[in-house]
Protein backbone atom coordinates (compact mmCIF):
# COMPACT_ATOMS: atom_id res chain seq x y z
CA UNK A 1 68.53 107.51 9.27
CA UNK A 2 69.27 111.63 8.95
CA UNK A 3 69.91 113.91 12.17
CA UNK A 4 66.42 115.39 11.47
CA UNK A 5 64.76 112.12 11.17
CA UNK A 6 66.56 111.18 14.43
CA UNK A 7 65.65 113.73 16.45
CA UNK A 8 61.77 113.32 15.22
CA UNK A 9 61.83 109.75 16.38
CA UNK A 10 62.95 110.98 19.61
CA UNK A 11 60.56 113.53 20.27
CA UNK A 12 59.03 113.15 23.71
CA UNK A 13 55.04 112.29 23.83
CA UNK A 14 53.15 115.59 25.27
CA UNK A 15 51.77 113.55 28.33
CA UNK A 16 54.96 113.65 30.19
CA UNK A 17 54.96 117.42 30.06
CA UNK A 18 51.36 117.43 31.48
CA UNK A 19 52.37 114.63 34.35
CA UNK A 20 52.38 116.44 37.79
CA UNK A 21 56.01 116.67 39.55
CA UNK A 22 54.74 114.34 42.02
CA UNK A 23 53.69 111.58 39.62
CA UNK A 24 56.57 112.13 37.66
CA UNK A 25 58.82 111.38 40.69
CA UNK A 26 56.77 108.66 41.88
CA UNK A 27 57.51 106.94 38.60
CA UNK A 28 61.49 107.39 38.88
CA UNK A 29 61.17 105.74 42.13
CA UNK A 30 58.84 102.88 40.95
CA UNK A 31 61.14 102.11 37.85
CA UNK A 32 64.24 102.26 40.16
CA UNK A 33 62.87 99.95 42.37
CA UNK A 34 61.80 97.39 39.76
CA UNK A 35 64.94 97.64 38.07
CA UNK A 36 67.21 97.69 41.10
CA UNK A 37 70.92 97.25 39.84
CA UNK A 38 70.27 96.78 36.29
CA UNK A 39 69.62 100.50 36.40
CA UNK A 40 72.35 102.97 36.66
CA UNK A 41 71.53 106.75 36.79
CA UNK A 42 74.60 109.07 36.37
CA UNK A 43 74.22 112.99 36.72
CA UNK A 44 76.39 115.51 35.82
CA UNK A 45 77.27 118.69 38.30
CA UNK A 46 75.14 121.01 35.72
CA UNK A 47 72.08 118.90 36.05
CA UNK A 48 68.89 120.38 37.69
CA UNK A 49 68.20 119.39 41.11
CA UNK A 50 64.90 117.62 39.89
CA UNK A 51 66.98 115.26 38.21
CA UNK A 52 70.18 115.08 40.31
CA UNK A 53 67.85 114.03 43.06
CA UNK A 54 67.62 110.60 41.63
CA UNK A 55 71.17 109.93 40.72
CA UNK A 56 73.02 107.26 41.82
CA UNK A 57 76.43 109.00 41.23
CA UNK A 58 77.11 112.87 40.64
CA UNK A 59 80.45 113.95 39.03
CA UNK A 60 82.20 115.78 36.02
CA UNK A 61 82.04 113.98 32.64
CA UNK A 62 85.29 111.89 33.43
CA UNK A 63 84.57 110.82 36.93
CA UNK A 64 81.10 109.67 35.41
CA UNK A 65 82.43 107.85 32.80
CA UNK A 66 84.83 105.88 34.93
CA UNK A 67 81.93 105.15 37.10
CA UNK A 68 80.20 103.74 34.30
CA UNK A 69 82.95 101.71 33.38
CA UNK A 70 83.17 99.68 36.78
CA UNK A 71 79.47 99.44 36.90
CA UNK A 72 77.42 96.43 35.97
CA UNK A 73 74.19 97.75 35.50
CA UNK A 74 72.55 96.71 32.43
CA UNK A 75 70.82 100.14 31.50
CA UNK A 76 72.75 103.37 32.08
CA UNK A 77 70.53 106.47 31.89
CA UNK A 78 73.29 109.08 31.38
CA UNK A 79 71.93 112.66 32.51
CA UNK A 80 74.62 114.60 31.03
CA UNK A 81 75.12 115.63 27.27
CA UNK A 82 75.96 113.51 24.06
CA UNK A 83 79.75 113.51 24.28
CA UNK A 84 79.68 112.24 27.93
CA UNK A 85 77.12 109.38 26.93
CA UNK A 86 79.51 108.61 24.36
CA UNK A 87 82.47 108.34 26.22
CA UNK A 88 80.36 105.74 28.78
CA UNK A 89 79.46 103.64 25.91
CA UNK A 90 83.06 103.31 25.02
CA UNK A 91 84.25 102.31 28.51
CA UNK A 92 81.40 100.04 29.33
CA UNK A 93 81.04 96.55 28.00
CA UNK A 94 78.79 95.42 24.90
CA UNK A 95 76.22 94.35 26.94
CA UNK A 96 75.38 97.60 28.60
CA UNK A 97 73.20 99.98 27.42
CA UNK A 98 73.84 103.96 27.52
CA UNK A 99 70.68 105.94 26.78
CA UNK A 100 70.47 109.60 26.85
CA UNK A 101 67.14 110.63 27.83
CA UNK A 102 66.87 113.76 25.32
CA UNK A 103 69.10 113.23 22.25
CA UNK A 104 68.98 117.17 21.75
CA UNK A 105 71.44 117.56 24.91
CA UNK A 106 74.71 118.43 23.32
CA UNK A 107 77.48 120.76 24.00
CA UNK A 108 78.10 123.72 22.20
CA UNK A 109 81.81 123.59 22.61
CA UNK A 110 82.10 120.07 21.48
CA UNK A 111 79.84 121.18 18.45
CA UNK A 112 82.45 123.84 17.46
CA UNK A 113 84.95 120.94 16.49
CA UNK A 114 83.78 118.40 14.36
CA UNK A 115 85.80 115.58 12.52
CA UNK A 116 85.73 116.87 9.15
CA UNK A 117 87.43 120.31 10.50
CA UNK A 118 89.83 118.69 12.49
CA UNK A 119 91.14 116.44 9.28
CA UNK A 120 90.77 119.38 7.11
CA UNK A 121 93.08 121.79 9.78
CA UNK A 122 95.50 118.91 10.04
CA UNK A 123 96.13 118.81 6.33
CA UNK A 124 96.23 122.46 6.09
CA UNK A 125 98.92 122.74 8.93
CA UNK A 126 100.93 120.03 6.87
CA UNK A 127 100.52 121.85 3.80
CA UNK A 128 100.74 125.19 4.49
CA UNK A 129 103.25 125.30 7.18
CA UNK A 130 104.98 121.67 7.51
CA UNK A 131 103.54 121.36 10.83
CA UNK A 132 102.69 117.86 12.19
CA UNK A 133 100.94 118.73 15.42
CA UNK A 134 100.59 116.52 18.48
CA UNK A 135 96.82 116.82 19.50
CA UNK A 136 95.35 117.04 22.77
CA UNK A 137 91.87 117.09 23.07
CA UNK A 138 89.47 118.10 26.03
CA UNK A 139 87.13 115.51 26.74
CA UNK A 140 84.36 117.89 25.70
CA UNK A 141 84.54 116.63 22.24
CA UNK A 142 83.01 114.16 20.03
CA UNK A 143 84.21 110.36 20.08
CA UNK A 144 85.59 111.05 16.30
CA UNK A 145 87.80 113.84 17.51
CA UNK A 146 89.15 111.63 20.35
CA UNK A 147 89.83 108.65 17.89
CA UNK A 148 91.86 111.43 15.53
CA UNK A 149 93.69 112.16 18.61
CA UNK A 150 94.39 108.75 19.32
CA UNK A 151 95.68 107.89 15.87
CA UNK A 152 98.11 110.50 16.10
CA UNK A 153 99.28 109.50 19.53
CA UNK A 154 97.92 112.54 21.49
CA UNK A 155 95.88 112.36 24.80
CA UNK A 156 92.63 113.61 26.20
CA UNK A 157 92.54 115.86 28.95
CA UNK A 158 90.21 117.05 31.40
CA UNK A 159 90.30 120.61 33.29
CA UNK A 160 91.38 118.77 36.40
CA UNK A 161 94.49 117.05 34.76
CA UNK A 162 95.08 119.47 32.11
CA UNK A 163 98.45 120.95 33.50
CA UNK A 164 99.62 117.36 33.61
CA UNK A 165 98.84 116.49 29.94
CA UNK A 166 99.91 119.82 28.80
CA UNK A 167 103.32 119.35 30.47
CA UNK A 168 103.97 115.88 28.92
CA UNK A 169 102.90 117.17 25.33
CA UNK A 170 105.26 120.26 25.99
CA UNK A 171 108.10 117.66 26.64
CA UNK A 172 107.49 115.90 23.45
CA UNK A 173 108.97 119.34 21.67
CA UNK A 174 106.22 119.19 18.98
CA UNK A 175 103.76 121.77 18.32
CA UNK A 176 100.22 120.96 20.12
CA UNK A 177 96.84 121.26 18.64
CA UNK A 178 94.76 122.02 21.31
CA UNK A 179 91.13 121.09 21.12
CA UNK A 180 88.10 122.31 21.03
CA UNK A 181 88.33 125.03 23.95
CA UNK A 182 90.98 127.83 23.50
CA UNK A 183 90.58 129.46 26.90
CA UNK A 184 91.45 126.15 28.95
CA UNK A 185 94.39 125.99 26.54
CA UNK A 186 95.88 129.35 26.50
CA UNK A 187 95.17 129.38 30.40
CA UNK A 188 96.92 125.97 30.75
CA UNK A 189 99.77 126.72 28.81
CA UNK A 190 100.37 130.15 30.24
CA UNK A 191 100.48 128.60 33.79
CA UNK A 192 103.21 126.18 32.42
CA UNK A 193 105.26 129.01 31.16
CA UNK A 194 104.25 129.32 27.55
CA UNK A 195 103.94 133.17 26.70
CA UNK A 196 101.07 134.25 24.48
CA UNK A 197 103.47 135.09 21.88
CA UNK A 198 103.91 131.67 21.24
CA UNK A 199 100.31 130.59 20.84
CA UNK A 200 98.29 130.64 17.87
CA UNK A 201 94.69 130.54 16.98
CA UNK A 202 93.30 128.18 14.19
CA UNK A 203 89.72 129.47 12.93
CA UNK A 204 87.74 126.32 11.55
CA UNK A 205 85.55 128.24 9.82
CA UNK A 206 87.66 130.41 7.67
CA UNK A 207 90.25 127.49 7.62
CA UNK A 208 92.98 129.65 8.64
CA UNK A 209 95.91 130.18 11.43
CA UNK A 210 96.07 133.42 13.21
CA UNK A 211 99.63 134.18 14.20
CA UNK A 212 101.70 137.05 13.98
CA UNK A 213 104.62 135.83 15.55
CA UNK A 214 107.84 133.87 14.36
CA UNK A 215 106.92 130.50 13.32
CA UNK A 216 110.19 129.23 14.62
CA UNK A 217 108.70 130.03 18.33
CA UNK A 218 105.32 128.73 17.80
CA UNK A 219 104.38 126.29 20.69
CA UNK A 220 100.68 125.58 20.52
CA UNK A 221 97.72 125.99 18.43
CA UNK A 222 94.56 126.71 19.90
CA UNK A 223 91.07 125.62 18.60
CA UNK A 224 88.91 128.79 18.00
CA UNK A 225 86.25 127.19 20.48
CA UNK A 226 84.61 127.95 23.66
CA UNK A 227 82.40 127.17 26.62
CA UNK A 228 79.07 129.37 25.94
CA UNK A 229 78.41 129.53 29.42
CA UNK A 230 81.99 130.16 30.83
CA UNK A 231 82.77 132.68 28.26
CA UNK A 232 79.95 134.93 29.29
CA UNK A 233 82.28 135.97 32.60
CA UNK A 234 83.82 139.06 32.22
CA UNK A 235 86.42 141.47 33.76
CA UNK A 236 83.52 143.78 34.72
CA UNK A 237 81.59 141.18 36.56
CA UNK A 238 85.26 141.04 38.54
CA UNK A 239 85.12 144.54 38.94
CA UNK A 240 81.68 144.58 40.02
CA UNK A 241 82.30 141.87 42.69
CA UNK A 242 85.95 143.81 43.96
CA UNK A 243 83.57 146.91 44.48
CA UNK A 244 80.74 145.58 46.30
CA UNK A 245 82.44 142.66 48.15
CA UNK A 246 86.09 143.72 48.53
CA UNK A 247 86.47 140.69 50.99
CA UNK A 248 85.43 138.03 49.13
CA UNK A 249 87.16 135.73 47.28
CA UNK A 250 86.71 135.10 43.35
CA UNK A 251 87.23 131.48 42.11
CA UNK A 252 86.64 130.46 38.18
CA UNK A 253 86.27 127.47 35.75
CA UNK A 254 89.64 127.55 33.76
CA UNK A 255 87.17 127.67 30.56
CA UNK A 256 86.66 131.19 31.29
CA UNK A 257 88.71 133.79 29.25
CA UNK A 258 92.37 134.44 29.96
CA UNK A 259 91.45 137.96 31.35
CA UNK A 260 89.04 136.77 33.59
CA UNK A 261 91.34 133.82 34.88
CA UNK A 262 94.18 136.10 35.66
CA UNK A 263 92.16 138.44 37.50
CA UNK A 264 90.33 136.42 39.61
CA UNK A 265 92.14 134.85 42.97
CA UNK A 266 91.80 131.40 41.91
CA UNK A 267 90.83 129.19 39.03
CA UNK A 268 90.07 125.23 38.79
CA UNK A 269 87.88 122.37 37.67
CA UNK A 270 84.65 121.89 39.11
CA UNK A 271 86.00 119.25 41.77
CA UNK A 272 88.50 122.13 42.82
CA UNK A 273 85.79 124.50 42.86
CA UNK A 274 83.76 122.18 45.27
CA UNK A 275 86.68 121.28 47.27
CA UNK A 276 88.00 124.62 47.60
CA UNK A 277 84.75 126.08 49.06
CA UNK A 278 83.53 122.85 50.96
CA UNK A 279 86.69 123.05 52.82
CA UNK A 280 87.10 126.81 53.44
CA UNK A 281 86.30 128.10 57.05
CA UNK A 282 82.83 129.17 57.71
CA UNK A 283 81.98 132.84 57.41
CA UNK A 284 84.21 133.07 54.15
CA UNK A 285 82.69 135.02 51.10
CA UNK A 286 82.99 133.57 47.57
CA UNK A 287 81.89 134.68 44.24
CA UNK A 288 82.14 131.74 41.59
CA UNK A 289 82.65 131.80 37.75
CA UNK A 290 80.98 128.52 36.74
CA UNK A 291 77.69 127.06 35.63
CA UNK A 292 74.59 128.32 37.43
CA UNK A 293 72.66 124.85 38.83
CA UNK A 294 75.91 124.14 40.36
CA UNK A 295 76.54 127.36 41.97
CA UNK A 296 73.12 127.47 43.68
CA UNK A 297 73.86 124.07 44.99
CA UNK A 298 76.99 124.99 46.36
CA UNK A 299 75.35 127.68 48.11
CA UNK A 300 72.35 125.25 49.38
CA UNK A 301 75.16 122.97 50.78
CA UNK A 302 77.34 125.72 52.47
CA UNK A 303 74.77 127.93 54.32
CA UNK A 304 77.61 128.73 56.70
CA UNK A 305 79.23 130.75 54.09
CA UNK A 306 78.48 133.82 51.51
CA UNK A 307 78.30 132.71 48.00
CA UNK A 308 77.24 134.23 44.86
CA UNK A 309 77.70 134.09 41.23
CA UNK A 310 80.23 136.06 39.69
CA UNK A 311 77.76 137.02 37.02
CA UNK A 312 74.29 137.59 38.91
CA UNK A 313 72.50 137.45 35.65
CA UNK A 314 73.99 134.03 34.56
CA UNK A 315 71.97 131.13 33.23
CA UNK A 316 72.30 127.53 33.39
CA UNK A 317 73.98 125.15 30.68
CA UNK A 318 71.01 125.16 28.40
CA UNK A 319 71.88 122.10 26.36
CA UNK A 320 72.55 120.46 29.55
CA UNK A 321 69.55 121.53 30.71
CA UNK A 322 67.51 119.65 28.30
CA UNK A 323 67.88 116.50 30.33
CA UNK A 324 64.58 117.30 32.50
CA UNK A 325 62.41 115.27 34.85
CA UNK A 326 59.91 114.52 32.18
CA UNK A 327 62.55 113.42 29.74
CA UNK A 328 64.04 111.19 32.50
CA UNK A 329 60.84 109.36 33.12
CA UNK A 330 60.21 109.00 29.29
CA UNK A 331 63.67 107.30 29.21
CA UNK A 332 62.97 104.78 32.00
CA UNK A 333 59.28 104.06 30.45
CA UNK A 334 61.06 103.24 27.14
CA UNK A 335 63.68 101.09 29.12
CA UNK A 336 60.76 99.15 30.75
CA UNK A 337 59.39 98.49 27.24
CA UNK A 338 62.92 97.56 25.78
CA UNK A 339 62.63 100.25 23.67
CA UNK A 340 66.08 101.57 23.31
CA UNK A 341 65.86 104.42 20.45
CA UNK A 342 67.80 106.99 22.73
CA UNK A 343 70.75 104.61 22.89
CA UNK A 344 74.54 106.12 22.21
CA UNK A 345 76.74 103.82 20.76
CA UNK A 346 79.97 104.12 19.47
CA UNK A 347 81.61 101.96 16.61
CA UNK A 348 84.33 99.61 17.53
CA UNK A 349 87.15 101.43 15.26
CA UNK A 350 86.34 104.89 16.86
CA UNK A 351 86.36 103.14 19.88
CA UNK A 352 89.59 101.44 19.84
CA UNK A 353 91.50 104.86 18.98
CA UNK A 354 89.45 106.92 21.15
CA UNK A 355 90.30 104.80 23.79
CA UNK A 356 94.16 105.13 23.26
CA UNK A 357 93.69 108.81 23.77
CA UNK A 358 91.89 108.32 26.97
CA UNK A 359 94.42 105.57 28.20
CA UNK A 360 97.29 108.05 27.22
CA UNK A 361 95.42 110.81 29.48
CA UNK A 362 94.91 108.18 32.56
CA UNK A 363 98.50 107.05 32.44
CA UNK A 364 99.70 110.44 33.09
CA UNK A 365 97.76 110.75 36.34
């Protein structure tokens, strides 16, 4: 089945869009009650509140995957994006069914690197520069890319453990290929003492290495990818906050650009941002550079603090927000009908090598 046919088969019937919110919420509660422990609904931090209210667990992509790994539910309705559901499928057993309420829920960053481009990059670097890279991939990548990394004895990483994983890779004394987010790679390597002059960029569209330095000094190759949400925070946003709120502390996600991270007061993973603000003293002031649904939720959960988005015109993650209440209800109805057309599955060979890369990451914790 082609991708177009797949998406057509996964179109939600119009009736769900016409249902009142109260009816949708009642249906979720009904199905959760009927299925009990057979149903598990994990939700990513970036999901809408209308979905998060029904979450059995809330976390970042890897936290949720690990929770799924230890959960025994027969049906997992994963409220996130495609690569997260893939990881959950690889970490659960064959009897468990992982479903994505909307198959269109992808990740723009993960889409910036496909396995064909990565294999072409690997061949190009070997042929043109005699470079056999040690690959690292952010968990925001496809299962196929995770498997590629596992085959080459590399590792996965998250924004929370990037420093540990990159430190390990640097100690191997090999040139690193960092996939698929150039900003997280650059910010992390720079923190660990790698100068910008020793970092190159690989452009997958042009199949070209962008580097002006001496090849003997090259230590890390950054894939030319980015997060469409975090790249929209700018140094102009920082200047505006400094001017209007000089006593406000700025904290951003490391998927932001190098310049934004350098000019902020702190940077860290979603978990770090949450912990930093939750544990801050009452009355403190914060500007946060991350996804808007999460920022709004942090604001609600911390009424004793003054909190704003670093970019006041920021929108939510559009691909993540394809998962809404109507799609969740539709997915649950299909589970009740034993219709699993929204199931996410990863073949055994891909799973074997992808888990090798994930296990390497976990061994470095």
